[in-house]
C-alpha atoms as a PDB file:
ATOM      1  CA  MET A   1       0.000   0.000   0.000  1.00  0.00           C
ATOM      2  CA  SER A   2       1.336   3.418  -0.902  1.00  0.00           C
ATOM      3  CA  PRO A   3       2.354   5.640   2.029  1.00  0.00           C
ATOM      4  CA  PHE A   4      -0.178   8.262   0.943  1.00  0.00           C
ATOM      5  CA  LYS A   5      -3.045   5.773   0.896  1.00  0.00           C
ATOM      6  CA  SER A   6      -2.047   4.332   4.275  1.00  0.00           C
ATOM      7  CA  ARG A   7      -2.006   7.891   5.675  1.00  0.00           C
ATOM      8  CA  LEU A   8      -5.579   8.343   4.444  1.00  0.00           C
ATOM      9  CA  GLN A   9      -6.549   5.027   6.062  1.00  0.00           C
ATOM     10  CA  SER A  10      -5.034   5.960   9.420  1.00  0.00           C
ATOM     11  CA  ASP A  11      -6.610   9.430   9.287  1.00  0.00           C
ATOM     12  CA  LEU A  12      -9.976   7.771   8.588  1.00  0.00           C
ATOM     13  CA  THR A  13      -9.535   5.489  11.594  1.00  0.00           C
ATOM     14  CA  GLU A  14      -8.686   8.503  13.770  1.00  0.00           C
ATOM     15  CA  ALA A  15     -11.714  10.446  12.481  1.00  0.00           C
ATOM     16  CA  ILE A  16     -14.005   7.519  13.262  1.00  0.00           C
ATOM     17  CA  ARG A  17     -12.572   7.233  16.780  1.00  0.00           C
ATOM     18  CA  SER A  18     -13.058  10.936  17.413  1.00  0.00           C
ATOM     19  CA  ARG A  19     -16.569  10.747  15.892  1.00  0.00           C
ATOM     20  CA  ASP A  20     -15.774  13.407  13.287  1.00  0.00           C
ATOM     21  CA  GLU A  21     -18.551  12.683  10.785  1.00  0.00           C
ATOM     22  CA  LEU A  22     -17.426  15.208   8.166  1.00  0.00           C
ATOM     23  CA  VAL A  23     -13.827  13.976   7.955  1.00  0.00           C
ATOM     24  CA  SER A  24     -14.742  10.287   8.151  1.00  0.00           C
ATOM     25  CA  SER A  25     -17.381  10.474   5.403  1.00  0.00           C
ATOM     26  CA  THR A  26     -15.092  12.568   3.159  1.00  0.00           C
ATOM     27  CA  LEU A  27     -12.166  10.165   3.592  1.00  0.00           C
ATOM     28  CA  ARG A  28     -14.428   7.159   3.035  1.00  0.00           C
ATOM     29  CA  LEU A  29     -15.636   8.615  -0.272  1.00  0.00           C
ATOM     30  CA  THR A  30     -12.069   9.428  -1.300  1.00  0.00           C
ATOM     31  CA  LEU A  31     -10.758   5.971  -0.415  1.00  0.00           C
ATOM     32  CA  THR A  32     -13.655   4.457  -2.376  1.00  0.00           C
ATOM     33  CA  ALA A  33     -12.679   6.566  -5.395  1.00  0.00           C
ATOM     34  CA  ILE A  34      -9.073   5.352  -5.015  1.00  0.00           C
ATOM     35  CA  THR A  35     -10.225   1.722  -4.814  1.00  0.00           C
ATOM     36  CA  ASN A  36     -12.442   2.197  -7.868  1.00  0.00           C
ATOM     37  CA  GLU A  37      -9.448   3.571  -9.750  1.00  0.00           C
ATOM     38  CA  GLU A  38      -7.344   0.577  -8.654  1.00  0.00           C
ATOM     39  CA  VAL A  39      -9.846  -1.980  -9.946  1.00  0.00           C
ATOM     40  CA  ALA A  40     -10.708  -0.091 -13.151  1.00  0.00           C
ATOM     41  CA  GLY A  41      -9.364  -1.620 -16.322  1.00  0.00           C
ATOM     42  CA  LYS A  42      -8.494  -5.206 -17.105  1.00  0.00           C
ATOM     43  CA  THR A  43      -6.371  -5.972 -14.040  1.00  0.00           C
ATOM     44  CA  ALA A  44      -6.418  -4.644 -10.495  1.00  0.00           C
ATOM     45  CA  ARG A  45      -3.303  -2.742  -9.450  1.00  0.00           C
ATOM     46  CA  GLU A  46      -1.900  -0.672  -6.617  1.00  0.00           C
ATOM     47  CA  LEU A  47      -1.859   3.088  -7.247  1.00  0.00           C
ATOM     48  CA  SER A  48       1.348   5.051  -6.734  1.00  0.00           C
ATOM     49  CA  ASP A  49       1.410   8.137  -4.515  1.00  0.00           C
ATOM     50  CA  ASP A  50       1.197  10.367  -7.606  1.00  0.00           C
ATOM     51  CA  GLU A  51      -1.875   8.505  -8.853  1.00  0.00           C
ATOM     52  CA  VAL A  52      -3.510   8.704  -5.404  1.00  0.00           C
ATOM     53  CA  LEU A  53      -2.822  12.452  -5.415  1.00  0.00           C
ATOM     54  CA  LYS A  54      -4.497  12.771  -8.827  1.00  0.00           C
ATOM     55  CA  VAL A  55      -7.606  11.034  -7.465  1.00  0.00           C
ATOM     56  CA  ILE A  56      -7.670  13.423  -4.490  1.00  0.00           C
ATOM     57  CA  VAL A  57      -7.278  16.423  -6.835  1.00  0.00           C
ATOM     58  CA  ARG A  58     -10.196  15.127  -8.910  1.00  0.00           C
ATOM     59  CA  GLU A  59     -12.344  14.598  -5.799  1.00  0.00           C
ATOM     60  CA  ALA A  60     -11.545  18.102  -4.516  1.00  0.00           C
ATOM     61  CA  LYS A  61     -12.510  19.560  -7.895  1.00  0.00           C
ATOM     62  CA  LYS A  62     -15.829  17.685  -7.753  1.00  0.00           C
ATOM     63  CA  ARG A  63     -16.506  19.257  -4.336  1.00  0.00           C
ATOM     64  CA  ARG A  64     -15.778  22.772  -5.633  1.00  0.00           C
ATOM     65  CA  GLU A  65     -18.011  22.299  -8.660  1.00  0.00           C
ATOM     66  CA  ALA A  66     -20.815  20.786  -6.590  1.00  0.00           C
ATOM     67  CA  ALA A  67     -20.606  23.636  -4.060  1.00  0.00           C
ATOM     68  CA  GLU A  68     -20.884  26.140  -6.902  1.00  0.00           C
ATOM     69  CA  ALA A  69     -23.869  24.299  -8.386  1.00  0.00           C
ATOM     70  CA  PHE A  70     -25.632  24.123  -4.998  1.00  0.00           C
ATOM     71  CA  GLU A  71     -24.930  27.811  -4.399  1.00  0.00           C
ATOM     72  CA  ASN A  72     -26.405  28.725  -7.779  1.00  0.00           C
ATOM     73  CA  GLY A  73     -29.430  26.556  -6.995  1.00  0.00           C
ATOM     74  CA  GLY A  74     -30.018  28.312  -3.676  1.00  0.00           C
ATOM     75  CA  ARG A  75     -29.079  25.306  -1.530  1.00  0.00           C
ATOM     76  CA  THR A  76     -26.613  26.994   0.790  1.00  0.00           C
ATOM     77  CA  GLU A  77     -26.491  24.159   3.362  1.00  0.00           C
ATOM     78  CA  SER A  78     -25.463  21.632   0.720  1.00  0.00           C
ATOM     79  CA  ALA A  79     -22.953  24.104  -0.716  1.00  0.00           C
ATOM     80  CA  ALA A  80     -21.440  24.636   2.739  1.00  0.00           C
ATOM     81  CA  ARG A  81     -21.129  20.863   3.224  1.00  0.00           C
ATOM     82  CA  GLU A  82     -19.358  20.469  -0.137  1.00  0.00           C
ATOM     83  CA  ARG A  83     -16.974  23.328   0.706  1.00  0.00           C
ATOM     84  CA  ALA A  84     -16.206  21.760   4.103  1.00  0.00           C
ATOM     85  CA  GLU A  85     -15.436  18.428   2.406  1.00  0.00           C
ATOM     86  CA  GLY A  86     -13.204  20.281  -0.061  1.00  0.00           C
ATOM     87  CA  GLU A  87     -11.286  21.811   2.843  1.00  0.00           C
ATOM     88  CA  VAL A  88     -10.743  18.354   4.339  1.00  0.00           C
ATOM     89  CA  LEU A  89      -9.276  17.178   1.022  1.00  0.00           C
ATOM     90  CA  ALA A  90      -7.209  20.373   0.626  1.00  0.00           C
ATOM     91  CA  ALA A  91      -5.132  19.272   3.617  1.00  0.00           C
ATOM     92  CA  TYR A  92      -3.805  16.390   1.475  1.00  0.00           C
ATOM     93  CA  LEU A  93      -3.031  18.514  -1.598  1.00  0.00           C
ATOM     94  CA  PRO A  94       0.193  20.387  -2.325  1.00  0.00           C
ATOM     95  CA  ALA A  95       0.111  24.111  -1.601  1.00  0.00           C
ATOM     96  CA  GLN A  96      -1.494  26.025  -4.458  1.00  0.00           C
ATOM     97  CA  LEU A  97       0.418  28.678  -6.395  1.00  0.00           C
ATOM     98  CA  SER A  98      -0.525  32.270  -5.709  1.00  0.00           C
ATOM     99  CA  ASP A  99      -1.948  34.345  -8.567  1.00  0.00           C
ATOM    100  CA  ASP A 100       1.331  36.285  -8.779  1.00  0.00           C
ATOM    101  CA  GLU A 101       3.428  33.107  -9.041  1.00  0.00           C
ATOM    102  CA  LEU A 102       1.130  31.771 -11.748  1.00  0.00           C
ATOM    103  CA  LYS A 103       1.351  35.071 -13.681  1.00  0.00           C
ATOM    104  CA  VAL A 104       5.156  34.864 -13.704  1.00  0.00           C
ATOM    105  CA  ILE A 105       5.179  31.239 -14.922  1.00  0.00           C
ATOM    106  CA  VAL A 106       2.664  32.014 -17.694  1.00  0.00           C
ATOM    107  CA  ALA A 107       4.565  35.159 -18.750  1.00  0.00           C
ATOM    108  CA  ASP A 108       7.794  33.134 -18.965  1.00  0.00           C
ATOM    109  CA  ALA A 109       6.056  30.453 -21.052  1.00  0.00           C
ATOM    110  CA  ILE A 110       4.620  33.069 -23.437  1.00  0.00           C
ATOM    111  CA  ALA A 111       8.079  34.637 -23.843  1.00  0.00           C
ATOM    112  CA  GLN A 112       9.642  31.195 -24.328  1.00  0.00           C
ATOM    113  CA  THR A 113       7.169  30.127 -27.030  1.00  0.00           C
ATOM    114  CA  GLY A 114       6.781  33.557 -28.642  1.00  0.00           C
ATOM    115  CA  ALA A 115       3.025  32.980 -28.539  1.00  0.00           C
ATOM    116  CA  SER A 116       0.419  35.536 -29.508  1.00  0.00           C
ATOM    117  CA  GLY A 117      -3.301  35.229 -30.102  1.00  0.00           C
ATOM    118  CA  PRO A 118      -5.833  32.573 -29.100  1.00  0.00           C
ATOM    119  CA  GLN A 119      -4.435  29.881 -31.416  1.00  0.00           C
ATOM    120  CA  ALA A 120      -1.228  29.788 -29.337  1.00  0.00           C
ATOM    121  CA  MET A 121      -3.009  28.829 -26.119  1.00  0.00           C
ATOM    122  CA  GLY A 122      -2.209  25.130 -26.518  1.00  0.00           C
ATOM    123  CA  GLN A 123       1.507  25.827 -27.005  1.00  0.00           C
ATOM    124  CA  VAL A 124       1.661  27.890 -23.834  1.00  0.00           C
ATOM    125  CA  MET A 125      -0.372  25.324 -21.864  1.00  0.00           C
ATOM    126  CA  LYS A 126       2.096  22.571 -22.884  1.00  0.00           C
ATOM    127  CA  VAL A 127       4.951  24.587 -21.378  1.00  0.00           C
ATOM    128  CA  VAL A 128       3.106  25.746 -18.239  1.00  0.00           C
ATOM    129  CA  ARG A 129       1.428  22.461 -17.207  1.00  0.00           C
ATOM    130  CA  PRO A 130       4.636  20.495 -16.375  1.00  0.00           C
ATOM    131  CA  LYS A 131       6.044  23.448 -14.395  1.00  0.00           C
ATOM    132  CA  VAL A 132       2.868  23.890 -12.368  1.00  0.00           C
ATOM    133  CA  GLY A 133       1.853  20.254 -11.846  1.00  0.00           C
ATOM    134  CA  ASP A 134      -0.907  19.916  -9.238  1.00  0.00           C
ATOM    135  CA  LYS A 135      -0.206  23.318  -7.724  1.00  0.00           C
ATOM    136  CA  ALA A 136      -2.832  25.036  -9.886  1.00  0.00           C
ATOM    137  CA  GLU A 137      -6.030  23.848 -11.502  1.00  0.00           C
ATOM    138  CA  GLY A 138      -6.302  23.743 -15.286  1.00  0.00           C
ATOM    139  CA  GLY A 139      -9.096  26.320 -15.324  1.00  0.00           C
ATOM    140  CA  ARG A 140      -6.977  28.814 -13.396  1.00  0.00           C
ATOM    141  CA  ILE A 141      -4.056  28.269 -15.758  1.00  0.00           C
ATOM    142  CA  ALA A 142      -6.248  28.684 -18.852  1.00  0.00           C
ATOM    143  CA  ALA A 143      -7.801  31.866 -17.492  1.00  0.00           C
ATOM    144  CA  GLU A 144      -4.368  33.369 -16.829  1.00  0.00           C
ATOM    145  CA  ILE A 145      -3.089  32.404 -20.285  1.00  0.00           C
ATOM    146  CA  LYS A 146      -6.179  33.944 -21.891  1.00  0.00           C
ATOM    147  CA  SER A 147      -5.789  37.181 -19.972  1.00  0.00           C
ATOM    148  CA  GLN A 148      -2.100  37.513 -20.876  1.00  0.00           C
ATOM    149  CA  LEU A 149      -2.684  36.635 -24.533  1.00  0.00           C
ATOM    150  CA  GLY A 150      -5.543  39.142 -24.654  1.00  0.00           C
ATOM    151  CA  VAL A 151      -8.130  36.569 -25.687  1.00  0.00           C
END
């Protein structure tokens, strides 16, 4: 078992012992998503720490999107629950880049590729994505690239 997954398991056990319903239900759902990912495909396999992190990133994104949808639908209690679950998952994610740090990385990538105009967005994204990794969401990166390219 990967160290990251075993950390999630032990944190779940601790949350159950301390009767923390929010943390225990969030970690249960996340561990289920990890297990589903492990058994998807033709053969079952153990996920690496990087793959477990990707599942957690995906789950956190689902929480953000669901909170937004609930908020738009006027269901503030459900939105608050989704945001709280997202905060639980955020503790397992790498620190996010600030807007200023992201601006610098995107500006460097634009200078490096000599990009201009909306058709160059893909080129810039190919340079930025490996540098940023999981420290910024794709939507944030795309928005910054668009603003700097004047799209």
